[in-house]
Amino acid sequence: MKVRKPTKAEKKELLEYYKRYTGGDDFSDEIDEWYIGVFENYYYGHSWYHGKILVLVNTHEPYAETFTWADGKFDRADDKLPHFCE
């Protein structure tokens, strides 16, 4: 599975997500400094999801966030993908 940089449209979806969930904060000046990778054909054998995922590695804290396009809607995947360390 190969990773690629996000398109302008994918970055826009990510910015819109953060704007919704941060009360209107605009990170458009910072997004090009973020570590973001997109995987086109993600598939987890025991998961309901097969498709594109976006992974954001946080630049100020040691964690990553995963987003999917489940049902055509861009959203954070925390509650959708399995957690292996719990």
C-alpha atoms as a PDB file:
ATOM      1  CA  MET A   1       0.000   0.000   0.000  1.00  0.00           C
ATOM      2  CA  LYS A   2       1.480   3.320  -1.090  1.00  0.00           C
ATOM      3  CA  VAL A   3       0.942   6.660   0.572  1.00  0.00           C
ATOM      4  CA  ARG A   4       0.527   9.938  -1.279  1.00  0.00           C
ATOM      5  CA  LYS A   5       0.117  13.609  -0.415  1.00  0.00           C
ATOM      6  CA  PRO A   6      -3.453  14.895  -0.129  1.00  0.00           C
ATOM      7  CA  THR A   7      -5.076  16.794  -2.968  1.00  0.00           C
ATOM      8  CA  LYS A   8      -6.328  20.363  -2.529  1.00  0.00           C
ATOM      9  CA  ALA A   9      -9.872  18.992  -2.271  1.00  0.00           C
ATOM     10  CA  GLU A  10      -8.857  16.536   0.476  1.00  0.00           C
ATOM     11  CA  LYS A  11      -7.090  19.305   2.400  1.00  0.00           C
ATOM     12  CA  LYS A  12     -10.242  21.407   2.096  1.00  0.00           C
ATOM     13  CA  GLU A  13     -12.326  18.571   3.574  1.00  0.00           C
ATOM     14  CA  LEU A  14      -9.882  18.283   6.476  1.00  0.00           C
ATOM     15  CA  LEU A  15      -9.987  22.040   7.106  1.00  0.00           C
ATOM     16  CA  GLU A  16     -13.797  22.006   6.993  1.00  0.00           C
ATOM     17  CA  TYR A  17     -13.845  19.128   9.504  1.00  0.00           C
ATOM     18  CA  TYR A  18     -11.664  21.082  11.948  1.00  0.00           C
ATOM     19  CA  LYS A  19     -13.665  24.247  11.416  1.00  0.00           C
ATOM     20  CA  ARG A  20     -16.861  22.362  12.384  1.00  0.00           C
ATOM     21  CA  TYR A  21     -15.378  20.732  15.466  1.00  0.00           C
ATOM     22  CA  THR A  22     -13.270  23.593  16.826  1.00  0.00           C
ATOM     23  CA  GLY A  23     -15.907  26.273  16.760  1.00  0.00           C
ATOM     24  CA  GLY A  24     -14.668  27.967  13.606  1.00  0.00           C
ATOM     25  CA  ASP A  25     -10.881  27.883  13.930  1.00  0.00           C
ATOM     26  CA  ASP A  26      -9.180  28.307  10.567  1.00  0.00           C
ATOM     27  CA  PHE A  27      -5.980  26.310  10.068  1.00  0.00           C
ATOM     28  CA  SER A  28      -5.537  27.077   6.361  1.00  0.00           C
ATOM     29  CA  ASP A  29      -2.244  28.904   7.015  1.00  0.00           C
ATOM     30  CA  GLU A  30      -0.840  25.856   8.819  1.00  0.00           C
ATOM     31  CA  ILE A  31      -2.087  22.860   6.818  1.00  0.00           C
ATOM     32  CA  ASP A  32       0.885  22.718   4.443  1.00  0.00           C
ATOM     33  CA  GLU A  33       3.161  22.136   7.459  1.00  0.00           C
ATOM     34  CA  TRP A  34       1.120  19.172   8.721  1.00  0.00           C
ATOM     35  CA  TYR A  35       2.204  15.567   8.124  1.00  0.00           C
ATOM     36  CA  ILE A  36      -0.641  14.110   6.056  1.00  0.00           C
ATOM     37  CA  GLY A  37      -0.770  10.912   4.029  1.00  0.00           C
ATOM     38  CA  VAL A  38      -3.567   9.389   1.969  1.00  0.00           C
ATOM     39  CA  PHE A  39      -3.867   5.658   1.345  1.00  0.00           C
ATOM     40  CA  GLU A  40      -6.146   4.870  -1.613  1.00  0.00           C
ATOM     41  CA  ASN A  41      -7.111   1.238  -1.072  1.00  0.00           C
ATOM     42  CA  TYR A  42      -7.150   0.642   2.656  1.00  0.00           C
ATOM     43  CA  TYR A  43      -8.714  -2.650   3.606  1.00  0.00           C
ATOM     44  CA  TYR A  44      -8.912  -4.306   6.973  1.00  0.00           C
ATOM     45  CA  GLY A  45     -10.184  -7.853   6.664  1.00  0.00           C
ATOM     46  CA  HIS A  46     -12.480  -7.681   9.683  1.00  0.00           C
ATOM     47  CA  SER A  47     -13.662  -4.141   9.102  1.00  0.00           C
ATOM     48  CA  TRP A  48     -16.697  -2.789   7.349  1.00  0.00           C
ATOM     49  CA  TYR A  49     -14.577  -0.174   5.594  1.00  0.00           C
ATOM     50  CA  HIS A  50     -12.691  -0.574   2.331  1.00  0.00           C
ATOM     51  CA  GLY A  51     -11.491   2.582   0.627  1.00  0.00           C
ATOM     52  CA  LYS A  52      -9.433   5.708   0.997  1.00  0.00           C
ATOM     53  CA  ILE A  53      -8.110   6.880   4.374  1.00  0.00           C
ATOM     54  CA  LEU A  54      -6.297  10.045   5.368  1.00  0.00           C
ATOM     55  CA  VAL A  55      -3.804   9.931   8.242  1.00  0.00           C
ATOM     56  CA  LEU A  56      -2.744  13.108  10.020  1.00  0.00           C
ATOM     57  CA  VAL A  57       0.282  12.910  12.304  1.00  0.00           C
ATOM     58  CA  ASN A  58       0.002  15.681  14.829  1.00  0.00           C
ATOM     59  CA  THR A  59       2.832  18.217  14.785  1.00  0.00           C
ATOM     60  CA  HIS A  60       2.610  19.295  18.432  1.00  0.00           C
ATOM     61  CA  GLU A  61       1.640  16.093  20.261  1.00  0.00           C
ATOM     62  CA  PRO A  62       2.694  12.476  19.613  1.00  0.00           C
ATOM     63  CA  TYR A  63      -0.477  11.023  18.133  1.00  0.00           C
ATOM     64  CA  ALA A  64      -2.174  10.496  14.793  1.00  0.00           C
ATOM     65  CA  GLU A  65      -5.743  10.858  13.579  1.00  0.00           C
ATOM     66  CA  THR A  66      -7.353   8.737  10.886  1.00  0.00           C
ATOM     67  CA  PHE A  67     -10.176   9.870   8.622  1.00  0.00           C
ATOM     68  CA  THR A  68     -12.346   7.937   6.159  1.00  0.00           C
ATOM     69  CA  TRP A  69     -14.845   8.713   3.433  1.00  0.00           C
ATOM     70  CA  ALA A  70     -17.396   6.184   4.715  1.00  0.00           C
ATOM     71  CA  ASP A  71     -20.729   6.479   2.936  1.00  0.00           C
ATOM     72  CA  GLY A  72     -19.257   9.375   0.933  1.00  0.00           C
ATOM     73  CA  LYS A  73     -18.806  11.534   4.045  1.00  0.00           C
ATOM     74  CA  PHE A  74     -15.385  12.661   5.280  1.00  0.00           C
ATOM     75  CA  ASP A  75     -15.178  11.984   9.014  1.00  0.00           C
ATOM     76  CA  ARG A  76     -12.818  10.964  11.767  1.00  0.00           C
ATOM     77  CA  ALA A  77     -12.478   7.188  11.968  1.00  0.00           C
ATOM     78  CA  ASP A  78     -11.755   6.723  15.672  1.00  0.00           C
ATOM     79  CA  ASP A  79     -15.009   4.962  16.432  1.00  0.00           C
ATOM     80  CA  LYS A  80     -15.178   3.118  13.129  1.00  0.00           C
ATOM     81  CA  LEU A  81     -11.841   1.331  12.747  1.00  0.00           C
ATOM     82  CA  PRO A  82     -10.644  -1.315  15.224  1.00  0.00           C
ATOM     83  CA  HIS A  83      -8.352  -0.390  18.107  1.00  0.00           C
ATOM     84  CA  PHE A  84      -5.539  -2.898  18.571  1.00  0.00           C
ATOM     85  CA  CYS A  85      -4.032  -1.594  21.819  1.00  0.00           C
ATOM     86  CA  GLU A  86      -7.120  -1.640  24.015  1.00  0.00           C
END
